[in-house]
Amino acid sequence: MAEEIQLLDVVALTNDVPEHGLYRGQVGTLVEELAPDVYEVDFSDTNGRTYALAPIHVSQCLKLHFHPAPATPSTS
């Protein structure tokens, strides 16, 4: 089951968005909900400077995780 994407989540693009100069794999942060399942995503460089702000549909995002998922209890 897919985890719901929320504001301030860090995501990677799953496809190119050439009209905004963005390509699959670029990483951004969801900063504002524009419509159901559409977020303004802030793409910043390693110095924290924004190089693109773009409306991105959740279907174009892969939520990134920085910690391992909690273990699920065994049902044996």
N, C-alpha and C. Protein backbone atom coordinates (compact mmCIF):
# COMPACT_ATOMS: atom_id res chain seq x y z
N MET A 1 0.85 -1.18 0.00
CA MET A 1 0.00 0.00 0.00
C MET A 1 0.89 1.24 0.00
N ALA A 2 0.58 2.19 -0.86
CA ALA A 2 1.37 3.42 -0.98
C ALA A 2 1.08 4.35 0.19
N GLU A 3 2.13 4.97 0.68
CA GLU A 3 1.98 5.93 1.77
C GLU A 3 1.55 7.28 1.21
N GLU A 4 0.65 7.94 1.90
CA GLU A 4 0.14 9.22 1.44
C GLU A 4 1.24 10.29 1.49
N ILE A 5 1.30 11.09 0.44
CA ILE A 5 2.25 12.20 0.38
C ILE A 5 1.63 13.40 1.08
N GLN A 6 2.45 14.13 1.85
CA GLN A 6 1.97 15.27 2.64
C GLN A 6 2.91 16.46 2.47
N LEU A 7 2.43 17.63 2.88
CA LEU A 7 3.27 18.82 2.87
C LEU A 7 4.59 18.56 3.59
N LEU A 8 5.64 19.14 3.07
CA LEU A 8 7.01 19.07 3.57
C LEU A 8 7.70 17.73 3.34
N ASP A 9 7.02 16.79 2.67
CA ASP A 9 7.69 15.55 2.30
C ASP A 9 8.73 15.85 1.23
N VAL A 10 9.78 15.07 1.24
CA VAL A 10 10.81 15.15 0.21
C VAL A 10 10.50 14.07 -0.82
N VAL A 11 10.48 14.47 -2.09
CA VAL A 11 10.09 13.56 -3.16
C VAL A 11 11.11 13.63 -4.30
N ALA A 12 11.10 12.59 -5.12
CA ALA A 12 11.88 12.58 -6.36
C ALA A 12 10.88 12.48 -7.51
N LEU A 13 11.19 13.14 -8.60
CA LEU A 13 10.34 13.07 -9.78
C LEU A 13 10.46 11.69 -10.42
N THR A 14 9.33 11.15 -10.86
CA THR A 14 9.33 9.85 -11.53
C THR A 14 9.34 10.00 -13.04
N ASN A 15 9.22 11.22 -13.54
CA ASN A 15 9.30 11.47 -14.97
C ASN A 15 9.78 12.90 -15.21
N ASP A 16 10.20 13.19 -16.43
CA ASP A 16 10.66 14.52 -16.79
C ASP A 16 9.51 15.51 -16.79
N VAL A 17 9.80 16.76 -16.43
CA VAL A 17 8.86 17.88 -16.53
C VAL A 17 9.61 18.98 -17.28
N PRO A 18 9.81 18.79 -18.60
CA PRO A 18 10.68 19.69 -19.36
C PRO A 18 10.20 21.13 -19.42
N GLU A 19 8.91 21.37 -19.29
CA GLU A 19 8.41 22.75 -19.31
C GLU A 19 8.91 23.57 -18.13
N HIS A 20 9.43 22.88 -17.09
CA HIS A 20 10.00 23.56 -15.92
C HIS A 20 11.50 23.28 -15.79
N GLY A 21 12.08 22.63 -16.82
CA GLY A 21 13.50 22.32 -16.78
C GLY A 21 13.86 21.25 -15.76
N LEU A 22 12.92 20.36 -15.47
CA LEU A 22 13.12 19.33 -14.45
C LEU A 22 13.14 17.94 -15.09
N TYR A 23 13.91 17.05 -14.49
CA TYR A 23 14.07 15.73 -15.05
C TYR A 23 13.91 14.65 -14.00
N ARG A 24 13.54 13.46 -14.47
CA ARG A 24 13.31 12.32 -13.59
C ARG A 24 14.48 12.17 -12.63
N GLY A 25 14.15 11.98 -11.35
CA GLY A 25 15.17 11.78 -10.32
C GLY A 25 15.51 13.04 -9.54
N GLN A 26 15.13 14.21 -10.06
CA GLN A 26 15.42 15.42 -9.29
C GLN A 26 14.57 15.43 -8.01
N VAL A 27 15.16 15.98 -6.96
CA VAL A 27 14.57 15.93 -5.63
C VAL A 27 14.04 17.30 -5.24
N GLY A 28 12.84 17.32 -4.64
CA GLY A 28 12.24 18.57 -4.18
C GLY A 28 11.41 18.35 -2.93
N THR A 29 10.90 19.44 -2.38
CA THR A 29 10.09 19.41 -1.16
C THR A 29 8.71 19.99 -1.47
N LEU A 30 7.67 19.30 -1.02
CA LEU A 30 6.31 19.78 -1.20
C LEU A 30 6.07 20.96 -0.26
N VAL A 31 5.77 22.13 -0.81
CA VAL A 31 5.67 23.32 0.03
C VAL A 31 4.27 23.92 0.10
N GLU A 32 3.38 23.54 -0.82
CA GLU A 32 2.02 24.07 -0.79
C GLU A 32 1.10 23.15 -1.57
N GLU A 33 -0.11 22.91 -1.02
CA GLU A 33 -1.11 22.14 -1.75
C GLU A 33 -1.89 23.11 -2.64
N LEU A 34 -1.86 22.87 -3.94
CA LEU A 34 -2.53 23.75 -4.89
C LEU A 34 -3.93 23.27 -5.24
N ALA A 35 -4.12 21.98 -5.24
CA ALA A 35 -5.40 21.33 -5.56
C ALA A 35 -5.29 19.90 -5.05
N PRO A 36 -6.39 19.17 -5.05
CA PRO A 36 -6.27 17.77 -4.63
C PRO A 36 -5.21 17.04 -5.48
N ASP A 37 -4.23 16.47 -4.81
CA ASP A 37 -3.16 15.70 -5.43
C ASP A 37 -2.19 16.52 -6.28
N VAL A 38 -2.20 17.84 -6.15
CA VAL A 38 -1.25 18.71 -6.86
C VAL A 38 -0.57 19.61 -5.83
N TYR A 39 0.77 19.59 -5.84
CA TYR A 39 1.54 20.37 -4.88
C TYR A 39 2.53 21.28 -5.59
N GLU A 40 2.82 22.42 -4.98
CA GLU A 40 3.94 23.26 -5.40
C GLU A 40 5.17 22.59 -4.80
N VAL A 41 6.13 22.28 -5.66
CA VAL A 41 7.34 21.60 -5.20
C VAL A 41 8.53 22.53 -5.39
N ASP A 42 9.30 22.68 -4.33
CA ASP A 42 10.49 23.52 -4.32
C ASP A 42 11.70 22.63 -4.60
N PHE A 43 12.40 22.94 -5.69
CA PHE A 43 13.61 22.24 -6.05
C PHE A 43 14.78 23.17 -5.74
N SER A 44 15.65 22.74 -4.84
CA SER A 44 16.76 23.58 -4.37
C SER A 44 18.09 22.88 -4.60
N ASP A 45 19.15 23.70 -4.74
CA ASP A 45 20.48 23.14 -4.90
C ASP A 45 21.05 22.77 -3.53
N THR A 46 22.27 22.28 -3.50
CA THR A 46 22.87 21.84 -2.24
C THR A 46 23.16 22.99 -1.28
N ASN A 47 23.08 24.24 -1.76
CA ASN A 47 23.24 25.41 -0.90
C ASN A 47 21.89 25.95 -0.42
N GLY A 48 20.80 25.27 -0.76
CA GLY A 48 19.48 25.69 -0.32
C GLY A 48 18.83 26.75 -1.19
N ARG A 49 19.44 27.07 -2.33
CA ARG A 49 18.87 28.07 -3.24
C ARG A 49 17.89 27.40 -4.19
N THR A 50 16.68 27.93 -4.25
CA THR A 50 15.66 27.39 -5.14
C THR A 50 16.04 27.64 -6.59
N TYR A 51 16.00 26.59 -7.39
CA TYR A 51 16.23 26.75 -8.83
C TYR A 51 14.97 26.49 -9.64
N ALA A 52 13.92 25.94 -9.00
CA ALA A 52 12.63 25.75 -9.68
C ALA A 52 11.54 25.59 -8.65
N LEU A 53 10.39 26.16 -8.94
CA LEU A 53 9.14 25.92 -8.21
C LEU A 53 8.15 25.49 -9.26
N ALA A 54 7.52 24.34 -9.04
CA ALA A 54 6.64 23.83 -10.08
C ALA A 54 5.46 23.10 -9.46
N PRO A 55 4.29 23.20 -10.10
CA PRO A 55 3.15 22.38 -9.67
C PRO A 55 3.35 20.95 -10.17
N ILE A 56 3.31 20.01 -9.25
CA ILE A 56 3.57 18.61 -9.57
C ILE A 56 2.45 17.74 -9.01
N HIS A 57 1.92 16.85 -9.85
CA HIS A 57 0.88 15.91 -9.41
C HIS A 57 1.54 14.78 -8.64
N VAL A 58 0.85 14.26 -7.64
CA VAL A 58 1.43 13.19 -6.81
C VAL A 58 1.81 11.96 -7.63
N SER A 59 1.16 11.76 -8.77
CA SER A 59 1.49 10.61 -9.61
C SER A 59 2.89 10.75 -10.22
N GLN A 60 3.46 11.95 -10.16
CA GLN A 60 4.80 12.21 -10.69
C GLN A 60 5.87 12.18 -9.59
N CYS A 61 5.48 11.77 -8.38
CA CYS A 61 6.37 11.84 -7.22
C CYS A 61 6.60 10.47 -6.60
N LEU A 62 7.79 10.30 -6.09
CA LEU A 62 8.13 9.16 -5.26
C LEU A 62 8.59 9.72 -3.93
N LYS A 63 7.86 9.42 -2.86
CA LYS A 63 8.24 9.90 -1.53
C LYS A 63 9.54 9.23 -1.11
N LEU A 64 10.49 10.05 -0.64
CA LEU A 64 11.77 9.53 -0.19
C LEU A 64 11.74 9.31 1.32
N HIS A 65 12.41 8.26 1.75
CA HIS A 65 12.47 7.90 3.16
C HIS A 65 13.92 7.92 3.61
N PHE A 66 14.15 8.50 4.76
CA PHE A 66 15.51 8.63 5.28
C PHE A 66 15.78 7.73 6.47
N HIS A 67 14.79 6.91 6.85
CA HIS A 67 14.92 5.97 7.96
C HIS A 67 14.30 4.66 7.53
N PRO A 68 14.76 3.55 8.06
CA PRO A 68 14.16 2.26 7.69
C PRO A 68 12.71 2.19 8.17
N ALA A 69 11.91 1.45 7.45
CA ALA A 69 10.51 1.25 7.85
C ALA A 69 10.48 0.42 9.13
N PRO A 70 9.50 0.69 10.02
CA PRO A 70 9.41 -0.12 11.24
C PRO A 70 9.09 -1.56 10.88
N ALA A 71 9.62 -2.46 11.65
CA ALA A 71 9.36 -3.89 11.43
C ALA A 71 7.89 -4.19 11.71
N THR A 72 7.32 -5.05 10.90
CA THR A 72 5.95 -5.47 11.13
C THR A 72 5.98 -6.76 11.92
N PRO A 73 5.04 -6.91 12.86
CA PRO A 73 5.03 -8.13 13.69
C PRO A 73 4.77 -9.37 12.83
N SER A 74 5.40 -10.45 13.17
CA SER A 74 5.21 -11.71 12.46
C SER A 74 3.88 -12.31 12.86
N THR A 75 3.20 -12.94 11.90
CA THR A 75 1.91 -13.57 12.19
C THR A 75 2.03 -15.09 12.20
N SER A 76 3.18 -15.62 12.61
CA SER A 76 3.36 -17.08 12.61
C SER A 76 2.95 -17.68 13.91
